[in-house]
């Protein structure tokens, strides 16, 4: 999907090796509020291209393989979560946000608490489905 206007956003869910936490990026103006790495999709980018670019800018990691696992529409704005299946690199950033491993309790205190709560519920349903 390509877009002319920036009404699309994408973020990445990047788990640690133990799959107990995932990578969070703090707000630039408040290092205690976290979100997933990602952001608005630029004109002419696909959502995968945009999330790959944003992850590199915000974390220094290069996404090698990622799949969309959650999409939510809010009016004319569409946001997608991509699950990182493979990535490489070392965590580093020149941006002002803090990058660290977090869990959903931390994520749900951020600016997009409602979206992240819905993502957590979606992930629990997926895990439950595949355990049965």
Foldseek 3Di string as FASTA:
>chain_A
DFDQDFQEKEFEFAADPVRPWTKWKADLVDQQATAGFITTDHHGDDNVRRRQVRCCARFVKGQPDWDWQDWDDDPSHIYTYIYRPDIDDHGDHPGRIDMDTDHLVRNLVHPPNVVSVVVVVSVVVVVVVVVD
